[in-house]
Amino acid sequence: MRKIVVLGSSNTDLVVRAQRMPEAGETIMGDKFVMAAGGKGANQAVAVARLGGDVQFIAKLGCDMFGDKAVEGYKAEGLDTSTILRDEYAASGVALITVDENAENCIVVAPGANNKLSCSDVDAMRSHIEGA
C-alpha cells in the first residue's frame, strides 16, 4: 500500500455546552467542558489511519502544550509525524466552540501556526508528497 499524505490544519477544540448561546456582551454559565483534537486535516489523517492506511500528516503547530498534546495523540493514532513542523513564535490552532441544548453551535477559530505553513515548507516536503 502506498503512503497517503494529508496536508492540512490541526486545532485543539475547546468545547463548552450551555443551555443557550450568549447574547453579544453577555456572560453565561456553561454546563460541560471538553477538550478534543480537531482540524480538518488532522481529522482526515486520523480517519485514514483508523481505516488502516499508511498516513503521513504535514502540518504546522506551535511549540506549546496544545502542539505537544496533538503530536502525542497523532502518534497514538499511528500517524507518521516526522513532517509536522513546529513554530516557536505562533500558538497552535484552537477552535472555541459553544454548543447549546439544541446542538446548535457557534465556533471561533484562531488558526495560529496553521497560517504559518508556507510554500517553502511544503516544497521541503516534496519527496514525501511525490512518493504518496
C-alpha atoms as a PDB file:
ATOM      1  CA  MET A   1       0.000   0.000   0.000  1.00  0.00           C
ATOM      2  CA  ARG A   2       1.295   3.437  -0.892  1.00  0.00           C
ATOM      3  CA  LYS A   3       1.622   6.127   1.698  1.00  0.00           C
ATOM      4  CA  ILE A   4      -1.167   8.694   1.903  1.00  0.00           C
ATOM      5  CA  VAL A   5      -0.111  12.251   2.671  1.00  0.00           C
ATOM      6  CA  VAL A   6      -2.521  14.707   4.272  1.00  0.00           C
ATOM      7  CA  LEU A   7      -1.508  18.353   4.309  1.00  0.00           C
ATOM      8  CA  GLY A   8      -3.850  20.377   6.475  1.00  0.00           C
ATOM      9  CA  SER A   9      -4.864  22.042   9.678  1.00  0.00           C
ATOM     10  CA  SER A  10      -4.533  20.908  13.250  1.00  0.00           C
ATOM     11  CA  ASN A  11      -6.576  22.527  16.014  1.00  0.00           C
ATOM     12  CA  THR A  12      -7.477  21.804  19.575  1.00  0.00           C
ATOM     13  CA  ASP A  13     -11.233  22.089  20.037  1.00  0.00           C
ATOM     14  CA  LEU A  14     -12.290  23.720  23.316  1.00  0.00           C
ATOM     15  CA  VAL A  15     -15.982  22.888  23.608  1.00  0.00           C
ATOM     16  CA  VAL A  16     -18.438  24.253  26.179  1.00  0.00           C
ATOM     17  CA  ARG A  17     -22.042  23.074  26.406  1.00  0.00           C
ATOM     18  CA  ALA A  18     -24.546  25.695  27.520  1.00  0.00           C
ATOM     19  CA  GLN A  19     -28.319  25.910  27.687  1.00  0.00           C
ATOM     20  CA  ARG A  20     -28.269  28.684  25.101  1.00  0.00           C
ATOM     21  CA  MET A  21     -25.925  30.926  23.173  1.00  0.00           C
ATOM     22  CA  PRO A  22     -24.917  34.130  24.925  1.00  0.00           C
ATOM     23  CA  GLU A  23     -26.093  37.469  23.554  1.00  0.00           C
ATOM     24  CA  ALA A  24     -23.446  39.970  22.448  1.00  0.00           C
ATOM     25  CA  GLY A  25     -21.563  41.204  25.512  1.00  0.00           C
ATOM     26  CA  GLU A  26     -23.260  38.682  27.809  1.00  0.00           C
ATOM     27  CA  THR A  27     -21.522  36.123  30.022  1.00  0.00           C
ATOM     28  CA  ILE A  28     -23.417  32.911  30.766  1.00  0.00           C
ATOM     29  CA  MET A  29     -22.532  29.750  32.655  1.00  0.00           C
ATOM     30  CA  GLY A  30     -21.755  26.582  30.751  1.00  0.00           C
ATOM     31  CA  ASP A  31     -22.535  23.026  31.810  1.00  0.00           C
ATOM     32  CA  LYS A  32     -19.722  20.833  30.499  1.00  0.00           C
ATOM     33  CA  PHE A  33     -16.248  21.404  29.036  1.00  0.00           C
ATOM     34  CA  VAL A  34     -14.419  19.062  26.649  1.00  0.00           C
ATOM     35  CA  MET A  35     -11.041  19.464  25.004  1.00  0.00           C
ATOM     36  CA  ALA A  36     -10.611  17.374  21.848  1.00  0.00           C
ATOM     37  CA  ALA A  37      -8.359  17.018  18.829  1.00  0.00           C
ATOM     38  CA  GLY A  38      -9.651  18.728  15.718  1.00  0.00           C
ATOM     39  CA  GLY A  39      -8.792  20.474  12.489  1.00  0.00           C
ATOM     40  CA  LYS A  40      -9.921  19.356   9.037  1.00  0.00           C
ATOM     41  CA  GLY A  41      -6.518  17.988   8.035  1.00  0.00           C
ATOM     42  CA  ALA A  42      -5.939  16.215  11.331  1.00  0.00           C
ATOM     43  CA  ASN A  43      -9.410  14.657  11.215  1.00  0.00           C
ATOM     44  CA  GLN A  44      -8.738  13.331   7.700  1.00  0.00           C
ATOM     45  CA  ALA A  45      -5.328  11.944   8.643  1.00  0.00           C
ATOM     46  CA  VAL A  46      -6.686  10.176  11.727  1.00  0.00           C
ATOM     47  CA  ALA A  47      -9.592   8.742   9.706  1.00  0.00           C
ATOM     48  CA  VAL A  48      -7.154   7.286   7.150  1.00  0.00           C
ATOM     49  CA  ALA A  49      -5.020   5.774   9.930  1.00  0.00           C
ATOM     50  CA  ARG A  50      -8.074   4.241  11.616  1.00  0.00           C
ATOM     51  CA  LEU A  51      -9.034   2.651   8.289  1.00  0.00           C
ATOM     52  CA  GLY A  52      -5.592   1.027   8.135  1.00  0.00           C
ATOM     53  CA  GLY A  53      -3.917   3.468   5.763  1.00  0.00           C
ATOM     54  CA  ASP A  54      -0.236   4.341   5.905  1.00  0.00           C
ATOM     55  CA  VAL A  55      -0.616   8.066   6.502  1.00  0.00           C
ATOM     56  CA  GLN A  56       1.792  10.925   6.921  1.00  0.00           C
ATOM     57  CA  PHE A  57       0.488  14.258   8.207  1.00  0.00           C
ATOM     58  CA  ILE A  58       2.008  17.580   7.115  1.00  0.00           C
ATOM     59  CA  ALA A  59       1.033  20.467   9.359  1.00  0.00           C
ATOM     60  CA  LYS A  60       2.466  23.269  11.467  1.00  0.00           C
ATOM     61  CA  LEU A  61       1.873  23.523  15.209  1.00  0.00           C
ATOM     62  CA  GLY A  62       3.095  25.885  17.869  1.00  0.00           C
ATOM     63  CA  CYS A  63       5.703  24.983  20.472  1.00  0.00           C
ATOM     64  CA  ASP A  64       3.133  24.879  23.238  1.00  0.00           C
ATOM     65  CA  MET A  65       1.088  22.420  25.286  1.00  0.00           C
ATOM     66  CA  PHE A  66      -1.591  22.155  22.583  1.00  0.00           C
ATOM     67  CA  GLY A  67       1.027  21.249  19.967  1.00  0.00           C
ATOM     68  CA  ASP A  68       2.688  18.737  22.306  1.00  0.00           C
ATOM     69  CA  LYS A  69      -0.644  17.078  23.088  1.00  0.00           C
ATOM     70  CA  ALA A  70      -1.593  16.968  19.393  1.00  0.00           C
ATOM     71  CA  VAL A  71       1.654  15.246  18.356  1.00  0.00           C
ATOM     72  CA  GLU A  72       1.248  12.765  21.215  1.00  0.00           C
ATOM     73  CA  GLY A  73      -2.279  11.976  20.016  1.00  0.00           C
ATOM     74  CA  TYR A  74      -1.245  11.618  16.372  1.00  0.00           C
ATOM     75  CA  LYS A  75       1.495   9.168  17.286  1.00  0.00           C
ATOM     76  CA  ALA A  76      -1.008   7.154  19.343  1.00  0.00           C
ATOM     77  CA  GLU A  77      -3.253   7.022  16.242  1.00  0.00           C
ATOM     78  CA  GLY A  78      -0.378   5.662  14.137  1.00  0.00           C
ATOM     79  CA  LEU A  79       0.344   8.777  12.074  1.00  0.00           C
ATOM     80  CA  ASP A  80       3.830   9.492  10.755  1.00  0.00           C
ATOM     81  CA  THR A  81       4.533  12.806  12.484  1.00  0.00           C
ATOM     82  CA  SER A  82       8.027  13.394  11.101  1.00  0.00           C
ATOM     83  CA  THR A  83       6.609  16.061   8.776  1.00  0.00           C
ATOM     84  CA  ILE A  84       4.798  18.029  11.468  1.00  0.00           C
ATOM     85  CA  LEU A  85       6.585  21.334  11.791  1.00  0.00           C
ATOM     86  CA  ARG A  86       6.687  23.459  14.933  1.00  0.00           C
ATOM     87  CA  ASP A  87       6.678  27.273  15.064  1.00  0.00           C
ATOM     88  CA  GLU A  88       8.293  28.828  18.105  1.00  0.00           C
ATOM     89  CA  TYR A  89       6.505  32.159  17.651  1.00  0.00           C
ATOM     90  CA  ALA A  90       2.924  31.187  16.765  1.00  0.00           C
ATOM     91  CA  ALA A  91       0.497  29.366  19.021  1.00  0.00           C
ATOM     92  CA  SER A  92      -1.071  26.095  17.925  1.00  0.00           C
ATOM     93  CA  GLY A  93      -4.505  26.461  16.361  1.00  0.00           C
ATOM     94  CA  VAL A  94      -7.558  26.359  18.585  1.00  0.00           C
ATOM     95  CA  ALA A  95     -11.301  26.368  17.989  1.00  0.00           C
ATOM     96  CA  LEU A  96     -13.573  27.814  20.674  1.00  0.00           C
ATOM     97  CA  ILE A  97     -16.923  26.072  20.358  1.00  0.00           C
ATOM     98  CA  THR A  98     -20.165  26.717  22.202  1.00  0.00           C
ATOM     99  CA  VAL A  99     -22.917  24.109  21.796  1.00  0.00           C
ATOM    100  CA  ASP A 100     -26.445  24.793  23.063  1.00  0.00           C
ATOM    101  CA  GLU A 101     -29.084  22.324  24.275  1.00  0.00           C
ATOM    102  CA  ASN A 102     -30.454  22.044  20.704  1.00  0.00           C
ATOM    103  CA  ALA A 103     -26.984  21.016  19.426  1.00  0.00           C
ATOM    104  CA  GLU A 104     -26.589  24.333  17.584  1.00  0.00           C
ATOM    105  CA  ASN A 105     -23.037  25.606  17.740  1.00  0.00           C
ATOM    106  CA  CYS A 106     -21.016  28.770  17.431  1.00  0.00           C
ATOM    107  CA  ILE A 107     -17.326  28.430  16.540  1.00  0.00           C
ATOM    108  CA  VAL A 108     -14.408  30.844  16.551  1.00  0.00           C
ATOM    109  CA  VAL A 109     -11.124  29.507  15.154  1.00  0.00           C
ATOM    110  CA  ALA A 110      -7.735  31.022  15.935  1.00  0.00           C
ATOM    111  CA  PRO A 111      -5.566  29.251  13.313  1.00  0.00           C
ATOM    112  CA  GLY A 112      -2.223  30.250  14.815  1.00  0.00           C
ATOM    113  CA  ALA A 113       0.628  28.167  13.399  1.00  0.00           C
ATOM    114  CA  ASN A 114      -1.648  26.666  10.745  1.00  0.00           C
ATOM    115  CA  ASN A 115      -1.355  30.008   8.933  1.00  0.00           C
ATOM    116  CA  LYS A 116       2.438  29.860   9.159  1.00  0.00           C
ATOM    117  CA  LEU A 117       2.748  26.765   6.941  1.00  0.00           C
ATOM    118  CA  SER A 118       4.484  28.314   3.938  1.00  0.00           C
ATOM    119  CA  CYS A 119       5.057  27.372   0.322  1.00  0.00           C
ATOM    120  CA  SER A 120       8.724  26.746   1.168  1.00  0.00           C
ATOM    121  CA  ASP A 121       7.630  24.418   3.997  1.00  0.00           C
ATOM    122  CA  VAL A 122       5.537  22.448   1.517  1.00  0.00           C
ATOM    123  CA  ASP A 123       8.341  22.468  -1.076  1.00  0.00           C
ATOM    124  CA  ALA A 124      10.611  20.917   1.557  1.00  0.00           C
ATOM    125  CA  MET A 125       8.108  18.035   1.797  1.00  0.00           C
ATOM    126  CA  ARG A 126       8.192  17.385  -1.961  1.00  0.00           C
ATOM    127  CA  SER A 127       9.747  13.919  -1.678  1.00  0.00           C
ATOM    128  CA  HIS A 128       7.059  12.805   0.777  1.00  0.00           C
ATOM    129  CA  ILE A 129       4.287  14.156  -1.430  1.00  0.00           C
ATOM    130  CA  GLU A 130       5.694  12.712  -4.662  1.00  0.00           C
ATOM    131  CA  GLY A 131       6.058   9.305  -3.007  1.00  0.00           C
ATOM    132  CA  ALA A 132       2.415   9.181  -1.998  1.00  0.00           C
END
